Amino acid sequence: MQKYQPERQLAEDKASTDPSIGFSELNSQDENQLLREQVDTLKLELSYQSQQLQEIQQELSNTNHDLCTALMAERLTLDEAKELAKEIVITQKPIRESLAQLLSAIYISPVESWELGCIPKPTLADRSRFSSEANKFNERFDELKTQLTTFQGQLARFKVRREQLSVQIKAITETKE
């Protein structure tokens, strides 16, 4: 509105110097002219803003498309995650580091090993339970080993007995002939 203030002032000055034009008449004409110019200016500004908005929307759409493409390309498939897990196991890194690496790859978001917290070490109760189970397995192994030795001895005796029987059968069949 201040933009048109000098023009209005000029029109008022003209009206005051030209007696043939009435002041109120000049004011109405000037007002109408100023309002038309303002409307035209606002229409141009609106058109310009609309064009800028369309350009920004297009740029946003392109960026969104690029981001989606990039995210989908980086996401691991199940088979890729399994392969990565195998590679991690082969490296024999600490468990927390390995899990952080795997989670980072799967979710495409950095995961630090310290974020996973402490992994509890086996307690004394766990160790004694494992020890007792290990002792049971060892006892069972010793029993099976003893049975194996017994079966091997029996097998050897059966082989000897079979040889003896084969000789006896041969002798019997020869005498009958």
N, C-alpha and C. Protein backbone atom coordinates (compact mmCIF):
# COMPACT_ATOMS: atom_id res chain seq x y z
N MET A 1 0.83 -1.19 0.00
CA MET A 1 0.00 0.00 0.00
C MET A 1 0.87 1.25 0.00
N GLN A 2 1.98 1.20 0.72
CA GLN A 2 2.88 2.35 0.75
C GLN A 2 3.51 2.57 -0.61
N LYS A 3 3.59 1.52 -1.41
CA LYS A 3 4.16 1.61 -2.75
C LYS A 3 3.39 2.63 -3.59
N TYR A 4 2.10 2.72 -3.39
CA TYR A 4 1.26 3.61 -4.21
C TYR A 4 1.02 4.96 -3.52
N GLN A 5 1.55 5.17 -2.39
CA GLN A 5 1.35 6.41 -1.66
C GLN A 5 1.85 7.64 -2.45
N PRO A 6 3.04 7.57 -3.09
CA PRO A 6 3.48 8.75 -3.86
C PRO A 6 2.55 9.06 -5.02
N GLU A 7 2.02 8.03 -5.70
CA GLU A 7 1.11 8.27 -6.82
C GLU A 7 -0.17 8.95 -6.34
N ARG A 8 -0.65 8.51 -5.20
CA ARG A 8 -1.87 9.11 -4.63
C ARG A 8 -1.62 10.57 -4.28
N GLN A 9 -0.46 10.79 -3.70
CA GLN A 9 -0.11 12.16 -3.33
C GLN A 9 -0.05 13.04 -4.58
N LEU A 10 0.54 12.51 -5.67
CA LEU A 10 0.64 13.25 -6.93
C LEU A 10 -0.75 13.58 -7.47
N ALA A 11 -1.65 12.57 -7.40
CA ALA A 11 -3.02 12.79 -7.89
C ALA A 11 -3.72 13.84 -7.05
N GLU A 12 -3.55 13.84 -5.76
CA GLU A 12 -4.17 14.84 -4.89
C GLU A 12 -3.61 16.23 -5.19
N ASP A 13 -2.31 16.28 -5.45
CA ASP A 13 -1.70 17.56 -5.78
C ASP A 13 -2.28 18.11 -7.08
N LYS A 14 -2.48 17.23 -8.08
CA LYS A 14 -3.03 17.63 -9.36
C LYS A 14 -4.46 18.16 -9.17
N ALA A 15 -5.21 17.47 -8.33
CA ALA A 15 -6.59 17.88 -8.08
C ALA A 15 -6.64 19.24 -7.42
N SER A 16 -5.70 19.48 -6.57
CA SER A 16 -5.72 20.77 -5.87
C SER A 16 -5.32 21.91 -6.81
N THR A 17 -4.55 21.61 -7.87
CA THR A 17 -4.13 22.67 -8.80
C THR A 17 -5.07 22.81 -9.98
N ASP A 18 -5.81 21.77 -10.34
CA ASP A 18 -6.72 21.81 -11.49
C ASP A 18 -8.14 21.99 -10.96
N PRO A 19 -8.72 23.15 -11.13
CA PRO A 19 -10.04 23.41 -10.59
C PRO A 19 -11.16 22.67 -11.31
N SER A 20 -10.90 22.17 -12.54
CA SER A 20 -11.97 21.51 -13.28
C SER A 20 -12.25 20.10 -12.72
N ILE A 21 -11.30 19.53 -11.99
CA ILE A 21 -11.49 18.17 -11.44
C ILE A 21 -11.83 18.33 -9.97
N GLY A 22 -12.90 17.68 -9.58
CA GLY A 22 -13.28 17.72 -8.18
C GLY A 22 -12.42 16.76 -7.36
N PHE A 23 -12.17 17.12 -6.13
CA PHE A 23 -11.29 16.33 -5.26
C PHE A 23 -11.84 14.93 -5.01
N SER A 24 -13.12 14.84 -4.76
CA SER A 24 -13.72 13.54 -4.48
C SER A 24 -13.73 12.66 -5.72
N GLU A 25 -13.91 13.31 -6.89
CA GLU A 25 -13.91 12.57 -8.13
C GLU A 25 -12.51 11.99 -8.39
N LEU A 26 -11.50 12.77 -8.16
CA LEU A 26 -10.12 12.33 -8.35
C LEU A 26 -9.78 11.21 -7.38
N ASN A 27 -10.24 11.36 -6.19
CA ASN A 27 -9.98 10.34 -5.18
C ASN A 27 -10.56 9.00 -5.60
N SER A 28 -11.76 8.98 -6.12
CA SER A 28 -12.41 7.74 -6.53
C SER A 28 -11.69 7.13 -7.73
N GLN A 29 -11.34 7.97 -8.69
CA GLN A 29 -10.62 7.46 -9.85
C GLN A 29 -9.25 6.93 -9.45
N ASP A 30 -8.57 7.68 -8.64
CA ASP A 30 -7.24 7.26 -8.18
C ASP A 30 -7.34 5.98 -7.35
N GLU A 31 -8.33 5.96 -6.50
CA GLU A 31 -8.54 4.77 -5.66
C GLU A 31 -8.76 3.55 -6.52
N ASN A 32 -9.63 3.70 -7.54
CA ASN A 32 -9.93 2.58 -8.44
C ASN A 32 -8.67 2.14 -9.19
N GLN A 33 -7.94 3.13 -9.70
CA GLN A 33 -6.70 2.82 -10.43
C GLN A 33 -5.70 2.11 -9.52
N LEU A 34 -5.54 2.61 -8.32
CA LEU A 34 -4.61 2.01 -7.36
C LEU A 34 -5.04 0.58 -6.99
N LEU A 35 -6.33 0.41 -6.79
CA LEU A 35 -6.84 -0.91 -6.44
C LEU A 35 -6.64 -1.90 -7.59
N ARG A 36 -6.86 -1.45 -8.82
CA ARG A 36 -6.64 -2.31 -9.99
C ARG A 36 -5.16 -2.71 -10.08
N GLU A 37 -4.30 -1.73 -9.88
CA GLU A 37 -2.87 -2.01 -9.94
C GLU A 37 -2.47 -2.98 -8.81
N GLN A 38 -3.05 -2.78 -7.65
CA GLN A 38 -2.75 -3.68 -6.54
C GLN A 38 -3.23 -5.10 -6.84
N VAL A 39 -4.43 -5.22 -7.40
CA VAL A 39 -4.96 -6.53 -7.76
C VAL A 39 -4.06 -7.19 -8.79
N ASP A 40 -3.66 -6.41 -9.81
CA ASP A 40 -2.77 -6.97 -10.84
C ASP A 40 -1.44 -7.42 -10.22
N THR A 41 -0.89 -6.60 -9.35
CA THR A 41 0.37 -6.94 -8.68
C THR A 41 0.21 -8.19 -7.82
N LEU A 42 -0.89 -8.26 -7.10
CA LEU A 42 -1.12 -9.44 -6.25
C LEU A 42 -1.34 -10.70 -7.10
N LYS A 43 -2.01 -10.54 -8.25
CA LYS A 43 -2.19 -11.68 -9.15
C LYS A 43 -0.84 -12.18 -9.65
N LEU A 44 0.03 -11.24 -10.04
CA LEU A 44 1.37 -11.62 -10.49
C LEU A 44 2.15 -12.30 -9.36
N GLU A 45 2.06 -11.74 -8.17
CA GLU A 45 2.75 -12.33 -7.01
C GLU A 45 2.22 -13.73 -6.72
N LEU A 46 0.90 -13.89 -6.78
CA LEU A 46 0.28 -15.20 -6.56
C LEU A 46 0.74 -16.20 -7.62
N SER A 47 0.78 -15.76 -8.86
CA SER A 47 1.23 -16.63 -9.94
C SER A 47 2.68 -17.05 -9.72
N TYR A 48 3.51 -16.09 -9.33
CA TYR A 48 4.93 -16.38 -9.07
C TYR A 48 5.06 -17.36 -7.90
N GLN A 49 4.34 -17.13 -6.82
CA GLN A 49 4.38 -18.01 -5.65
C GLN A 49 3.87 -19.41 -6.00
N SER A 50 2.84 -19.48 -6.82
CA SER A 50 2.29 -20.77 -7.24
C SER A 50 3.32 -21.54 -8.05
N GLN A 51 4.02 -20.84 -8.94
CA GLN A 51 5.06 -21.48 -9.75
C GLN A 51 6.19 -21.99 -8.85
N GLN A 52 6.60 -21.18 -7.88
CA GLN A 52 7.65 -21.61 -6.96
C GLN A 52 7.20 -22.82 -6.15
N LEU A 53 5.95 -22.81 -5.72
CA LEU A 53 5.41 -23.94 -4.96
C LEU A 53 5.44 -25.22 -5.80
N GLN A 54 5.05 -25.13 -7.06
CA GLN A 54 5.08 -26.30 -7.95
C GLN A 54 6.51 -26.81 -8.12
N GLU A 55 7.47 -25.90 -8.28
CA GLU A 55 8.87 -26.30 -8.43
C GLU A 55 9.36 -27.00 -7.16
N ILE A 56 9.01 -26.48 -6.01
CA ILE A 56 9.43 -27.08 -4.74
C ILE A 56 8.78 -28.45 -4.55
N GLN A 57 7.49 -28.56 -4.91
CA GLN A 57 6.81 -29.84 -4.81
C GLN A 57 7.45 -30.88 -5.72
N GLN A 58 7.82 -30.47 -6.94
CA GLN A 58 8.48 -31.39 -7.87
C GLN A 58 9.84 -31.82 -7.31
N GLU A 59 10.59 -30.87 -6.77
CA GLU A 59 11.90 -31.19 -6.19
C GLU A 59 11.74 -32.14 -4.99
N LEU A 60 10.73 -31.88 -4.17
CA LEU A 60 10.46 -32.75 -3.03
C LEU A 60 10.08 -34.15 -3.49
N SER A 61 9.26 -34.24 -4.50
CA SER A 61 8.86 -35.55 -5.04
C SER A 61 10.08 -36.31 -5.58
N ASN A 62 10.94 -35.61 -6.32
CA ASN A 62 12.15 -36.24 -6.86
C ASN A 62 13.07 -36.72 -5.74
N THR A 63 13.24 -35.89 -4.72
CA THR A 63 14.08 -36.25 -3.58
C THR A 63 13.51 -37.45 -2.84
N ASN A 64 12.19 -37.46 -2.65
CA ASN A 64 11.54 -38.58 -1.98
C ASN A 64 11.74 -39.87 -2.77
N HIS A 65 11.60 -39.78 -4.08
CA HIS A 65 11.81 -40.95 -4.94
C HIS A 65 13.24 -41.45 -4.83
N ASP A 66 14.21 -40.53 -4.87
CA ASP A 66 15.63 -40.90 -4.76
C ASP A 66 15.91 -41.56 -3.42
N LEU A 67 15.33 -41.01 -2.35
CA LEU A 67 15.55 -41.59 -1.02
C LEU A 67 14.95 -43.00 -0.92
N CYS A 68 13.76 -43.16 -1.42
CA CYS A 68 13.12 -44.49 -1.38
C CYS A 68 13.94 -45.50 -2.17
N THR A 69 14.42 -45.09 -3.32
CA THR A 69 15.24 -45.98 -4.15
C THR A 69 16.51 -46.36 -3.41
N ALA A 70 17.15 -45.37 -2.80
CA ALA A 70 18.40 -45.63 -2.07
C ALA A 70 18.16 -46.54 -0.88
N LEU A 71 17.07 -46.32 -0.16
CA LEU A 71 16.79 -47.16 1.02
C LEU A 71 16.48 -48.58 0.62
N MET A 72 15.74 -48.77 -0.44
CA MET A 72 15.39 -50.12 -0.86
C MET A 72 16.61 -50.86 -1.39
N ALA A 73 17.52 -50.14 -2.01
CA ALA A 73 18.72 -50.77 -2.55
C ALA A 73 19.64 -51.25 -1.43
N GLU A 74 19.66 -50.56 -0.30
CA GLU A 74 20.55 -50.90 0.79
C GLU A 74 19.98 -51.97 1.72
N ARG A 75 18.70 -52.19 1.68
CA ARG A 75 18.07 -53.13 2.59
C ARG A 75 18.49 -54.55 2.24
N LEU A 76 18.82 -55.34 3.25
CA LEU A 76 19.27 -56.71 3.04
C LEU A 76 18.10 -57.66 2.88
N THR A 77 18.27 -58.62 2.00
CA THR A 77 17.30 -59.71 1.92
C THR A 77 17.64 -60.71 3.01
N LEU A 78 16.78 -61.68 3.23
CA LEU A 78 17.03 -62.68 4.25
C LEU A 78 18.29 -63.48 3.93
N ASP A 79 18.47 -63.84 2.67
CA ASP A 79 19.66 -64.59 2.28
C ASP A 79 20.93 -63.77 2.49
N GLU A 80 20.86 -62.48 2.16
CA GLU A 80 22.03 -61.61 2.37
C GLU A 80 22.35 -61.48 3.85
N ALA A 81 21.31 -61.38 4.68
CA ALA A 81 21.52 -61.29 6.12
C ALA A 81 22.15 -62.58 6.66
N LYS A 82 21.72 -63.73 6.14
CA LYS A 82 22.30 -65.00 6.56
C LYS A 82 23.78 -65.08 6.17
N GLU A 83 24.09 -64.63 4.95
CA GLU A 83 25.49 -64.63 4.50
C GLU A 83 26.33 -63.73 5.38
N LEU A 84 25.79 -62.56 5.71
CA LEU A 84 26.52 -61.63 6.59
C LEU A 84 26.73 -62.26 7.96
N ALA A 85 25.72 -62.94 8.47
CA ALA A 85 25.84 -63.60 9.76
C ALA A 85 26.94 -64.66 9.72
N LYS A 86 27.01 -65.41 8.62
CA LYS A 86 28.06 -66.42 8.49
C LYS A 86 29.44 -65.77 8.49
N GLU A 87 29.57 -64.66 7.75
CA GLU A 87 30.85 -63.96 7.69
C GLU A 87 31.24 -63.44 9.08
N ILE A 88 30.26 -62.94 9.81
CA ILE A 88 30.52 -62.41 11.16
C ILE A 88 30.99 -63.53 12.08
N VAL A 89 30.35 -64.69 11.98
CA VAL A 89 30.74 -65.83 12.82
C VAL A 89 32.17 -66.25 12.52
N ILE A 90 32.53 -66.23 11.24
CA ILE A 90 33.88 -66.64 10.84
C ILE A 90 34.93 -65.70 11.43
N THR A 91 34.61 -64.40 11.52
CA THR A 91 35.59 -63.44 12.04
C THR A 91 35.82 -63.61 13.53
N GLN A 92 34.91 -64.25 14.21
CA GLN A 92 35.00 -64.52 15.66
C GLN A 92 35.17 -63.23 16.47
N LYS A 93 34.44 -62.20 16.09
CA LYS A 93 34.42 -60.96 16.87
C LYS A 93 33.64 -61.21 18.15
N PRO A 94 33.78 -60.33 19.12
CA PRO A 94 32.94 -60.44 20.32
C PRO A 94 31.45 -60.39 19.94
N ILE A 95 30.63 -61.04 20.73
CA ILE A 95 29.21 -61.18 20.43
C ILE A 95 28.52 -59.83 20.24
N ARG A 96 28.78 -58.88 21.15
CA ARG A 96 28.10 -57.58 21.04
C ARG A 96 28.46 -56.87 19.74
N GLU A 97 29.72 -56.90 19.36
CA GLU A 97 30.13 -56.25 18.11
C GLU A 97 29.48 -56.92 16.91
N SER A 98 29.43 -58.24 16.95
CA SER A 98 28.82 -58.98 15.84
C SER A 98 27.34 -58.67 15.72
N LEU A 99 26.64 -58.66 16.85
CA LEU A 99 25.21 -58.35 16.82
C LEU A 99 24.96 -56.91 16.35
N ALA A 100 25.77 -55.99 16.80
CA ALA A 100 25.62 -54.59 16.39
C ALA A 100 25.82 -54.46 14.88
N GLN A 101 26.82 -55.15 14.35
CA GLN A 101 27.08 -55.10 12.91
C GLN A 101 25.90 -55.68 12.13
N LEU A 102 25.38 -56.79 12.59
CA LEU A 102 24.26 -57.44 11.90
C LEU A 102 23.00 -56.56 11.96
N LEU A 103 22.68 -56.02 13.13
CA LEU A 103 21.51 -55.15 13.25
C LEU A 103 21.65 -53.89 12.40
N SER A 104 22.84 -53.33 12.36
CA SER A 104 23.09 -52.14 11.54
C SER A 104 22.81 -52.43 10.07
N ALA A 105 23.27 -53.58 9.61
CA ALA A 105 23.07 -53.94 8.20
C ALA A 105 21.61 -54.22 7.89
N ILE A 106 20.92 -54.89 8.78
CA ILE A 106 19.53 -55.26 8.52
C ILE A 106 18.61 -54.04 8.54
N TYR A 107 18.79 -53.17 9.54
CA TYR A 107 17.87 -52.04 9.71
C TYR A 107 18.38 -50.74 9.13
N ILE A 108 19.54 -50.78 8.45
CA ILE A 108 20.12 -49.61 7.80
C ILE A 108 20.16 -48.43 8.77
N SER A 109 20.59 -48.69 9.94
CA SER A 109 20.71 -47.67 10.97
C SER A 109 21.88 -48.07 11.86
N PRO A 110 22.80 -47.15 12.10
CA PRO A 110 23.98 -47.55 12.88
C PRO A 110 23.61 -47.97 14.30
N VAL A 111 24.12 -49.12 14.69
CA VAL A 111 23.92 -49.63 16.05
C VAL A 111 25.32 -49.83 16.63
N GLU A 112 25.55 -49.23 17.77
CA GLU A 112 26.84 -49.37 18.44
C GLU A 112 26.76 -50.53 19.42
N SER A 113 27.87 -51.19 19.61
CA SER A 113 27.88 -52.38 20.48
C SER A 113 27.50 -52.01 21.92
N TRP A 114 27.88 -50.82 22.37
CA TRP A 114 27.57 -50.44 23.74
C TRP A 114 26.07 -50.25 23.95
N GLU A 115 25.32 -50.01 22.85
CA GLU A 115 23.87 -49.84 22.97
C GLU A 115 23.17 -51.14 23.34
N LEU A 116 23.82 -52.25 23.09
CA LEU A 116 23.20 -53.55 23.37
C LEU A 116 23.33 -53.94 24.83
N GLY A 117 24.06 -53.14 25.60
CA GLY A 117 24.20 -53.42 27.03
C GLY A 117 25.14 -54.58 27.28
N CYS A 118 25.17 -54.98 28.52
CA CYS A 118 26.06 -56.08 28.91
C CYS A 118 25.40 -57.41 28.65
N ILE A 119 26.18 -58.32 28.13
CA ILE A 119 25.70 -59.69 27.96
C ILE A 119 26.19 -60.45 29.19
N PRO A 120 25.27 -60.97 29.96
CA PRO A 120 25.67 -61.61 31.23
C PRO A 120 26.56 -62.83 30.99
N LYS A 121 27.57 -62.94 31.85
CA LYS A 121 28.44 -64.11 31.79
C LYS A 121 27.76 -65.22 32.58
N PRO A 122 28.11 -66.47 32.27
CA PRO A 122 27.50 -67.57 33.00
C PRO A 122 27.77 -67.44 34.50
N THR A 123 26.76 -67.71 35.29
CA THR A 123 26.91 -67.64 36.73
C THR A 123 27.50 -68.95 37.25
N LEU A 124 27.79 -68.97 38.52
CA LEU A 124 28.34 -70.18 39.14
C LEU A 124 27.33 -71.32 39.04
N ALA A 125 26.05 -71.01 39.19
CA ALA A 125 25.01 -72.04 39.07
C ALA A 125 24.99 -72.60 37.66
N ASP A 126 25.12 -71.70 36.66
CA ASP A 126 25.16 -72.17 35.27
C ASP A 126 26.36 -73.08 35.05
N ARG A 127 27.51 -72.66 35.59
CA ARG A 127 28.73 -73.46 35.42
C ARG A 127 28.59 -74.82 36.08
N SER A 128 28.02 -74.86 37.29
CA SER A 128 27.88 -76.15 37.97
C SER A 128 26.88 -77.04 37.22
N ARG A 129 25.83 -76.41 36.69
CA ARG A 129 24.86 -77.18 35.91
C ARG A 129 25.53 -77.75 34.66
N PHE A 130 26.32 -76.92 33.98
CA PHE A 130 27.03 -77.40 32.81
C PHE A 130 28.04 -78.48 33.19
N SER A 131 28.68 -78.30 34.35
CA SER A 131 29.66 -79.29 34.80
C SER A 131 28.98 -80.61 35.10
N SER A 132 27.83 -80.57 35.79
CA SER A 132 27.14 -81.82 36.11
C SER A 132 26.66 -82.50 34.84
N GLU A 133 26.18 -81.71 33.86
CA GLU A 133 25.76 -82.30 32.59
C GLU A 133 26.95 -82.88 31.84
N ALA A 134 28.07 -82.18 31.89
CA ALA A 134 29.29 -82.69 31.25
C ALA A 134 29.73 -83.99 31.92
N ASN A 135 29.63 -84.05 33.24
CA ASN A 135 29.99 -85.28 33.96
C ASN A 135 29.08 -86.44 33.56
N LYS A 136 27.79 -86.15 33.41
CA LYS A 136 26.84 -87.19 32.99
C LYS A 136 27.19 -87.70 31.59
N PHE A 137 27.50 -86.76 30.70
CA PHE A 137 27.89 -87.16 29.34
C PHE A 137 29.17 -87.99 29.37
N ASN A 138 30.12 -87.60 30.21
CA ASN A 138 31.38 -88.36 30.31
C ASN A 138 31.13 -89.76 30.85
N GLU A 139 30.26 -89.88 31.87
CA GLU A 139 29.94 -91.20 32.43
C GLU A 139 29.27 -92.07 31.36
N ARG A 140 28.33 -91.47 30.64
CA ARG A 140 27.64 -92.22 29.59
C ARG A 140 28.62 -92.63 28.50
N PHE A 141 29.55 -91.76 28.16
CA PHE A 141 30.57 -92.07 27.17
C PHE A 141 31.43 -93.24 27.65
N ASP A 142 31.82 -93.22 28.92
CA ASP A 142 32.63 -94.32 29.47
C ASP A 142 31.86 -95.63 29.42
N GLU A 143 30.54 -95.58 29.75
CA GLU A 143 29.72 -96.79 29.69
C GLU A 143 29.67 -97.33 28.25
N LEU A 144 29.43 -96.43 27.30
CA LEU A 144 29.37 -96.86 25.90
C LEU A 144 30.72 -97.40 25.42
N LYS A 145 31.78 -96.81 25.90
CA LYS A 145 33.12 -97.26 25.54
C LYS A 145 33.36 -98.68 26.07
N THR A 146 32.93 -98.93 27.30
CA THR A 146 33.06 -100.26 27.90
C THR A 146 32.24 -101.27 27.12
N GLN A 147 31.00 -100.88 26.77
CA GLN A 147 30.15 -101.77 25.97
C GLN A 147 30.79 -102.07 24.62
N LEU A 148 31.39 -101.06 24.02
CA LEU A 148 32.04 -101.26 22.74
C LEU A 148 33.18 -102.27 22.86
N THR A 149 33.96 -102.12 23.90
CA THR A 149 35.07 -103.06 24.11
C THR A 149 34.53 -104.47 24.31
N THR A 150 33.44 -104.61 25.07
CA THR A 150 32.82 -105.91 25.31
C THR A 150 32.33 -106.49 23.99
N PHE A 151 31.64 -105.66 23.18
CA PHE A 151 31.12 -106.13 21.89
C PHE A 151 32.27 -106.52 20.95
N GLN A 152 33.34 -105.78 20.97
CA GLN A 152 34.48 -106.12 20.11
C GLN A 152 35.07 -107.47 20.53
N GLY A 153 35.16 -107.71 21.86
CA GLY A 153 35.64 -109.01 22.36
C GLY A 153 34.72 -110.13 21.92
N GLN A 154 33.41 -109.92 22.07
CA GLN A 154 32.44 -110.93 21.65
C GLN A 154 32.54 -111.19 20.15
N LEU A 155 32.71 -110.12 19.37
CA LEU A 155 32.84 -110.26 17.93
C LEU A 155 34.07 -111.10 17.59
N ALA A 156 35.15 -110.85 18.26
CA ALA A 156 36.37 -111.63 18.01
C ALA A 156 36.13 -113.09 18.34
N ARG A 157 35.47 -113.39 19.47
CA ARG A 157 35.17 -114.77 19.85
C ARG A 157 34.23 -115.43 18.83
N PHE A 158 33.22 -114.65 18.35
CA PHE A 158 32.31 -115.19 17.34
C PHE A 158 33.04 -115.52 16.05
N LYS A 159 34.00 -114.71 15.68
CA LYS A 159 34.77 -114.97 14.47
C LYS A 159 35.57 -116.26 14.62
N VAL A 160 36.19 -116.40 15.78
CA VAL A 160 36.96 -117.63 16.05
C VAL A 160 36.03 -118.82 16.02
N ARG A 161 34.90 -118.71 16.68
CA ARG A 161 33.92 -119.81 16.73
C ARG A 161 33.41 -120.13 15.33
N ARG A 162 33.18 -119.09 14.49
CA ARG A 162 32.73 -119.30 13.13
C ARG A 162 33.78 -120.06 12.34
N GLU A 163 35.02 -119.72 12.51
CA GLU A 163 36.10 -120.43 11.83
C GLU A 163 36.12 -121.90 12.26
N GLN A 164 35.96 -122.09 13.55
CA GLN A 164 35.95 -123.47 14.06
C GLN A 164 34.78 -124.25 13.47
N LEU A 165 33.61 -123.61 13.44
CA LEU A 165 32.44 -124.28 12.89
C LEU A 165 32.61 -124.52 11.40
N SER A 166 33.20 -123.59 10.70
CA SER A 166 33.45 -123.78 9.27
C SER A 166 34.34 -124.99 9.05
N VAL A 167 35.38 -125.16 9.88
CA VAL A 167 36.29 -126.30 9.75
C VAL A 167 35.54 -127.60 10.06
N GLN A 168 34.72 -127.57 11.10
CA GLN A 168 33.96 -128.76 11.47
C GLN A 168 32.97 -129.13 10.37
N ILE A 169 32.27 -128.13 9.82
CA ILE A 169 31.30 -128.40 8.75
C ILE A 169 32.02 -128.98 7.55
N LYS A 170 33.18 -128.47 7.24
CA LYS A 170 33.93 -128.96 6.11
C LYS A 170 34.35 -130.42 6.35
N ALA A 171 34.76 -130.69 7.57
CA ALA A 171 35.19 -132.05 7.90
C ALA A 171 34.00 -133.00 7.83
N ILE A 172 32.86 -132.60 8.28
CA ILE A 172 31.67 -133.44 8.27
C ILE A 172 31.25 -133.68 6.83
N THR A 173 31.24 -132.68 6.03
CA THR A 173 30.81 -132.84 4.64
C THR A 173 31.79 -133.70 3.86
N GLU A 174 33.05 -133.69 4.21
CA GLU A 174 34.05 -134.52 3.52
C GLU A 174 33.90 -135.99 3.92
N THR A 175 33.59 -136.23 5.15
CA THR A 175 33.42 -137.62 5.61
C THR A 175 32.16 -138.23 5.04
N LYS A 176 31.17 -137.47 4.80
CA LYS A 176 29.94 -137.99 4.25
C LYS A 176 30.11 -138.30 2.77
N GLU A 177 31.02 -137.73 2.17
CA GLU A 177 31.17 -137.95 0.75
C GLU A 177 31.95 -139.16 0.57
